[in-house]
Amino acid sequence: MKFGPLGWLMGNFMMKPMMKRITKDVMKGLAYYVVTGNTVGSKLPSDADLAPALA
């Protein structure tokens, strides 16, 4: 990230964790879609619905 030390701090403490969480959610949604064929809206299905896809 640009902006010197401030950019480095923002990148390491804000952007990386946020991107990891978003990537995890995208992969969960993709696994759910592949297993069930149902599309995922703006909210992920419940953990009970995701369990077969993530097993």
PDB file of N, CA and C in Angstrom:
ATOM      1  N   MET A   1       0.840  -1.170   0.000  1.00  0.00           N
ATOM      2  CA  MET A   1       0.000   0.000   0.000  1.00  0.00           C
ATOM      3  C   MET A   1       0.888   1.236   0.000  1.00  0.00           C
ATOM      4  N   LYS A   2       0.451   2.293  -0.623  1.00  0.00           N
ATOM      5  CA  LYS A   2       1.222   3.526  -0.708  1.00  0.00           C
ATOM      6  C   LYS A   2       1.142   4.311   0.598  1.00  0.00           C
ATOM      7  N   PHE A   3       1.730   5.471   0.603  1.00  0.00           N
ATOM      8  CA  PHE A   3       1.694   6.434   1.700  1.00  0.00           C
ATOM      9  C   PHE A   3       2.653   6.099   2.829  1.00  0.00           C
ATOM     10  N   GLY A   4       3.766   5.472   2.535  1.00  0.00           N
ATOM     11  CA  GLY A   4       4.850   5.273   3.500  1.00  0.00           C
ATOM     12  C   GLY A   4       4.456   4.466   4.712  1.00  0.00           C
ATOM     13  N   PRO A   5       4.939   4.900   5.887  1.00  0.00           N
ATOM     14  CA  PRO A   5       4.676   4.136   7.117  1.00  0.00           C
ATOM     15  C   PRO A   5       3.187   4.026   7.447  1.00  0.00           C
ATOM     16  N   LEU A   6       2.441   5.090   7.197  1.00  0.00           N
ATOM     17  CA  LEU A   6       1.004   5.035   7.471  1.00  0.00           C
ATOM     18  C   LEU A   6       0.327   3.998   6.575  1.00  0.00           C
ATOM     19  N   GLY A   7       0.717   3.963   5.323  1.00  0.00           N
ATOM     20  CA  GLY A   7       0.171   2.972   4.402  1.00  0.00           C
ATOM     21  C   GLY A   7       0.544   1.560   4.801  1.00  0.00           C
ATOM     22  N   TRP A   8       1.769   1.390   5.271  1.00  0.00           N
ATOM     23  CA  TRP A   8       2.209   0.073   5.725  1.00  0.00           C
ATOM     24  C   TRP A   8       1.366  -0.384   6.918  1.00  0.00           C
ATOM     25  N   LEU A   9       1.146   0.532   7.886  1.00  0.00           N
ATOM     26  CA  LEU A   9       0.329   0.187   9.056  1.00  0.00           C
ATOM     27  C   LEU A   9      -1.102  -0.156   8.648  1.00  0.00           C
ATOM     28  N   MET A  10      -1.678   0.669   7.796  1.00  0.00           N
ATOM     29  CA  MET A  10      -3.050   0.398   7.349  1.00  0.00           C
ATOM     30  C   MET A  10      -3.128  -0.926   6.597  1.00  0.00           C
ATOM     31  N   GLY A  11      -2.139  -1.191   5.768  1.00  0.00           N
ATOM     32  CA  GLY A  11      -2.135  -2.428   4.999  1.00  0.00           C
ATOM     33  C   GLY A  11      -2.056  -3.656   5.877  1.00  0.00           C
ATOM     34  N   ASN A  12      -1.169  -3.613   6.862  1.00  0.00           N
ATOM     35  CA  ASN A  12      -0.963  -4.792   7.707  1.00  0.00           C
ATOM     36  C   ASN A  12      -2.048  -4.997   8.753  1.00  0.00           C
ATOM     37  N   PHE A  13      -2.600  -3.917   9.279  1.00  0.00           N
ATOM     38  CA  PHE A  13      -3.541  -4.065  10.384  1.00  0.00           C
ATOM     39  C   PHE A  13      -5.003  -3.915   9.992  1.00  0.00           C
ATOM     40  N   MET A  14      -5.267  -3.412   8.797  1.00  0.00           N
ATOM     41  CA  MET A  14      -6.660  -3.247   8.385  1.00  0.00           C
ATOM     42  C   MET A  14      -6.980  -4.021   7.113  1.00  0.00           C
ATOM     43  N   MET A  15      -6.189  -3.831   6.092  1.00  0.00           N
ATOM     44  CA  MET A  15      -6.521  -4.385   4.780  1.00  0.00           C
ATOM     45  C   MET A  15      -6.317  -5.896   4.699  1.00  0.00           C
ATOM     46  N   LYS A  16      -5.195  -6.395   5.196  1.00  0.00           N
ATOM     47  CA  LYS A  16      -4.939  -7.841   5.100  1.00  0.00           C
ATOM     48  C   LYS A  16      -5.992  -8.662   5.834  1.00  0.00           C
ATOM     49  N   PRO A  17      -6.317  -8.338   7.103  1.00  0.00           N
ATOM     50  CA  PRO A  17      -7.355  -9.132   7.781  1.00  0.00           C
ATOM     51  C   PRO A  17      -8.712  -9.045   7.081  1.00  0.00           C
ATOM     52  N   MET A  18      -9.049  -7.859   6.579  1.00  0.00           N
ATOM     53  CA  MET A  18     -10.324  -7.691   5.888  1.00  0.00           C
ATOM     54  C   MET A  18     -10.356  -8.534   4.616  1.00  0.00           C
ATOM     55  N   MET A  19      -9.284  -8.524   3.864  1.00  0.00           N
ATOM     56  CA  MET A  19      -9.242  -9.295   2.624  1.00  0.00           C
ATOM     57  C   MET A  19      -9.260 -10.795   2.898  1.00  0.00           C
ATOM     58  N   LYS A  20      -8.610 -11.237   3.981  1.00  0.00           N
ATOM     59  CA  LYS A  20      -8.655 -12.659   4.342  1.00  0.00           C
ATOM     60  C   LYS A  20     -10.081 -13.086   4.654  1.00  0.00           C
ATOM     61  N   ARG A  21     -10.808 -12.248   5.415  1.00  0.00           N
ATOM     62  CA  ARG A  21     -12.186 -12.576   5.780  1.00  0.00           C
ATOM     63  C   ARG A  21     -13.071 -12.617   4.541  1.00  0.00           C
ATOM     64  N   ILE A  22     -12.917 -11.646   3.670  1.00  0.00           N
ATOM     65  CA  ILE A  22     -13.733 -11.593   2.458  1.00  0.00           C
ATOM     66  C   ILE A  22     -13.448 -12.800   1.570  1.00  0.00           C
ATOM     67  N   THR A  23     -12.169 -13.160   1.432  1.00  0.00           N
ATOM     68  CA  THR A  23     -11.804 -14.312   0.607  1.00  0.00           C
ATOM     69  C   THR A  23     -12.397 -15.591   1.183  1.00  0.00           C
ATOM     70  N   LYS A  24     -12.372 -15.717   2.505  1.00  0.00           N
ATOM     71  CA  LYS A  24     -12.951 -16.894   3.156  1.00  0.00           C
ATOM     72  C   LYS A  24     -14.453 -16.988   2.872  1.00  0.00           C
ATOM     73  N   ASP A  25     -15.144 -15.863   2.977  1.00  0.00           N
ATOM     74  CA  ASP A  25     -16.586 -15.853   2.714  1.00  0.00           C
ATOM     75  C   ASP A  25     -16.890 -16.188   1.258  1.00  0.00           C
ATOM     76  N   VAL A  26     -16.084 -15.691   0.342  1.00  0.00           N
ATOM     77  CA  VAL A  26     -16.290 -15.987  -1.080  1.00  0.00           C
ATOM     78  C   VAL A  26     -16.099 -17.481  -1.334  1.00  0.00           C
ATOM     79  N   MET A  27     -15.086 -18.080  -0.728  1.00  0.00           N
ATOM     80  CA  MET A  27     -14.843 -19.511  -0.914  1.00  0.00           C
ATOM     81  C   MET A  27     -15.966 -20.346  -0.305  1.00  0.00           C
ATOM     82  N   LYS A  28     -16.496 -19.922   0.843  1.00  0.00           N
ATOM     83  CA  LYS A  28     -17.626 -20.633   1.444  1.00  0.00           C
ATOM     84  C   LYS A  28     -18.842 -20.570   0.528  1.00  0.00           C
ATOM     85  N   GLY A  29     -19.106 -19.397  -0.024  1.00  0.00           N
ATOM     86  CA  GLY A  29     -20.232 -19.236  -0.939  1.00  0.00           C
ATOM     87  C   GLY A  29     -20.067 -20.075  -2.188  1.00  0.00           C
ATOM     88  N   LEU A  30     -18.857 -20.133  -2.713  1.00  0.00           N
ATOM     89  CA  LEU A  30     -18.592 -20.944  -3.899  1.00  0.00           C
ATOM     90  C   LEU A  30     -18.790 -22.425  -3.598  1.00  0.00           C
ATOM     91  N   ALA A  31     -18.303 -22.885  -2.449  1.00  0.00           N
ATOM     92  CA  ALA A  31     -18.484 -24.290  -2.066  1.00  0.00           C
ATOM     93  C   ALA A  31     -19.967 -24.613  -1.910  1.00  0.00           C
ATOM     94  N   TYR A  32     -20.717 -23.711  -1.299  1.00  0.00           N
ATOM     95  CA  TYR A  32     -22.161 -23.916  -1.130  1.00  0.00           C
ATOM     96  C   TYR A  32     -22.851 -24.018  -2.486  1.00  0.00           C
ATOM     97  N   TYR A  33     -22.491 -23.147  -3.407  1.00  0.00           N
ATOM     98  CA  TYR A  33     -23.096 -23.160  -4.742  1.00  0.00           C
ATOM     99  C   TYR A  33     -22.756 -24.440  -5.493  1.00  0.00           C
ATOM    100  N   VAL A  34     -21.510 -24.882  -5.403  1.00  0.00           N
ATOM    101  CA  VAL A  34     -21.089 -26.088  -6.123  1.00  0.00           C
ATOM    102  C   VAL A  34     -21.835 -27.309  -5.600  1.00  0.00           C
ATOM    103  N   VAL A  35     -22.016 -27.396  -4.284  1.00  0.00           N
ATOM    104  CA  VAL A  35     -22.663 -28.572  -3.696  1.00  0.00           C
ATOM    105  C   VAL A  35     -24.174 -28.545  -3.913  1.00  0.00           C
ATOM    106  N   THR A  36     -24.808 -27.381  -3.726  1.00  0.00           N
ATOM    107  CA  THR A  36     -26.270 -27.333  -3.754  1.00  0.00           C
ATOM    108  C   THR A  36     -26.856 -26.818  -5.064  1.00  0.00           C
ATOM    109  N   GLY A  37     -26.127 -26.001  -5.785  1.00  0.00           N
ATOM    110  CA  GLY A  37     -26.655 -25.390  -6.995  1.00  0.00           C
ATOM    111  C   GLY A  37     -27.477 -24.142  -6.721  1.00  0.00           C
ATOM    112  N   ASN A  38     -27.623 -23.785  -5.445  1.00  0.00           N
ATOM    113  CA  ASN A  38     -28.366 -22.580  -5.059  1.00  0.00           C
ATOM    114  C   ASN A  38     -27.418 -21.393  -5.002  1.00  0.00           C
ATOM    115  N   THR A  39     -27.875 -20.265  -5.537  1.00  0.00           N
ATOM    116  CA  THR A  39     -27.029 -19.079  -5.478  1.00  0.00           C
ATOM    117  C   THR A  39     -27.037 -18.497  -4.074  1.00  0.00           C
ATOM    118  N   VAL A  40     -25.992 -17.771  -3.749  1.00  0.00           N
ATOM    119  CA  VAL A  40     -25.849 -17.138  -2.444  1.00  0.00           C
ATOM    120  C   VAL A  40     -26.072 -15.649  -2.641  1.00  0.00           C
ATOM    121  N   GLY A  41     -26.959 -15.070  -1.837  1.00  0.00           N
ATOM    122  CA  GLY A  41     -27.243 -13.639  -1.930  1.00  0.00           C
ATOM    123  C   GLY A  41     -26.217 -12.828  -1.157  1.00  0.00           C
ATOM    124  N   SER A  42     -26.666 -11.724  -0.606  1.00  0.00           N
ATOM    125  CA  SER A  42     -25.752 -10.841   0.116  1.00  0.00           C
ATOM    126  C   SER A  42     -25.368 -11.404   1.481  1.00  0.00           C
ATOM    127  N   LYS A  43     -26.150 -12.355   1.994  1.00  0.00           N
ATOM    128  CA  LYS A  43     -25.825 -12.989   3.272  1.00  0.00           C
ATOM    129  C   LYS A  43     -25.512 -14.463   3.031  1.00  0.00           C
ATOM    130  N   LEU A  44     -24.505 -14.966   3.737  1.00  0.00           N
ATOM    131  CA  LEU A  44     -24.179 -16.385   3.645  1.00  0.00           C
ATOM    132  C   LEU A  44     -25.271 -17.211   4.312  1.00  0.00           C
ATOM    133  N   PRO A  45     -25.497 -18.424   3.852  1.00  0.00           N
ATOM    134  CA  PRO A  45     -26.442 -19.316   4.535  1.00  0.00           C
ATOM    135  C   PRO A  45     -25.947 -19.625   5.950  1.00  0.00           C
ATOM    136  N   SER A  46     -26.827 -20.169   6.765  1.00  0.00           N
ATOM    137  CA  SER A  46     -26.463 -20.497   8.143  1.00  0.00           C
ATOM    138  C   SER A  46     -25.388 -21.580   8.166  1.00  0.00           C
ATOM    139  N   ASP A  47     -24.760 -21.721   9.323  1.00  0.00           N
ATOM    140  CA  ASP A  47     -23.708 -22.733   9.471  1.00  0.00           C
ATOM    141  C   ASP A  47     -24.242 -24.137   9.215  1.00  0.00           C
ATOM    142  N   ALA A  48     -25.498 -24.392   9.596  1.00  0.00           N
ATOM    143  CA  ALA A  48     -26.092 -25.714   9.367  1.00  0.00           C
ATOM    144  C   ALA A  48     -26.229 -25.991   7.870  1.00  0.00           C
ATOM    145  N   ASP A  49     -26.576 -24.968   7.098  1.00  0.00           N
ATOM    146  CA  ASP A  49     -26.699 -25.142   5.647  1.00  0.00           C
ATOM    147  C   ASP A  49     -25.336 -25.271   4.979  1.00  0.00           C
ATOM    148  N   LEU A  50     -24.322 -24.626   5.559  1.00  0.00           N
ATOM    149  CA  LEU A  50     -22.981 -24.675   4.980  1.00  0.00           C
ATOM    150  C   LEU A  50     -22.227 -25.957   5.325  1.00  0.00           C
ATOM    151  N   ALA A  51     -22.634 -26.650   6.390  1.00  0.00           N
ATOM    152  CA  ALA A  51     -21.887 -27.819   6.866  1.00  0.00           C
ATOM    153  C   ALA A  51     -21.653 -28.871   5.784  1.00  0.00           C
ATOM    154  N   PRO A  52     -22.657 -29.281   4.998  1.00  0.00           N
ATOM    155  CA  PRO A  52     -22.388 -30.292   3.964  1.00  0.00           C
ATOM    156  C   PRO A  52     -21.408 -29.799   2.902  1.00  0.00           C
ATOM    157  N   ALA A  53     -21.437 -28.525   2.599  1.00  0.00           N
ATOM    158  CA  ALA A  53     -20.558 -27.985   1.560  1.00  0.00           C
ATOM    159  C   ALA A  53     -19.117 -27.889   2.039  1.00  0.00           C
ATOM    160  N   LEU A  54     -18.927 -27.704   3.337  1.00  0.00           N
ATOM    161  CA  LEU A  54     -17.579 -27.513   3.869  1.00  0.00           C
ATOM    162  C   LEU A  54     -16.977 -28.787   4.442  1.00  0.00           C
ATOM    163  N   ALA A  55     -17.732 -29.879   4.427  1.00  0.00           N
ATOM    164  CA  ALA A  55     -17.233 -31.143   5.001  1.00  0.00           C
ATOM    165  C   ALA A  55     -16.203 -31.792   4.116  1.00  0.00           C
TER     166      ALA A  55
END
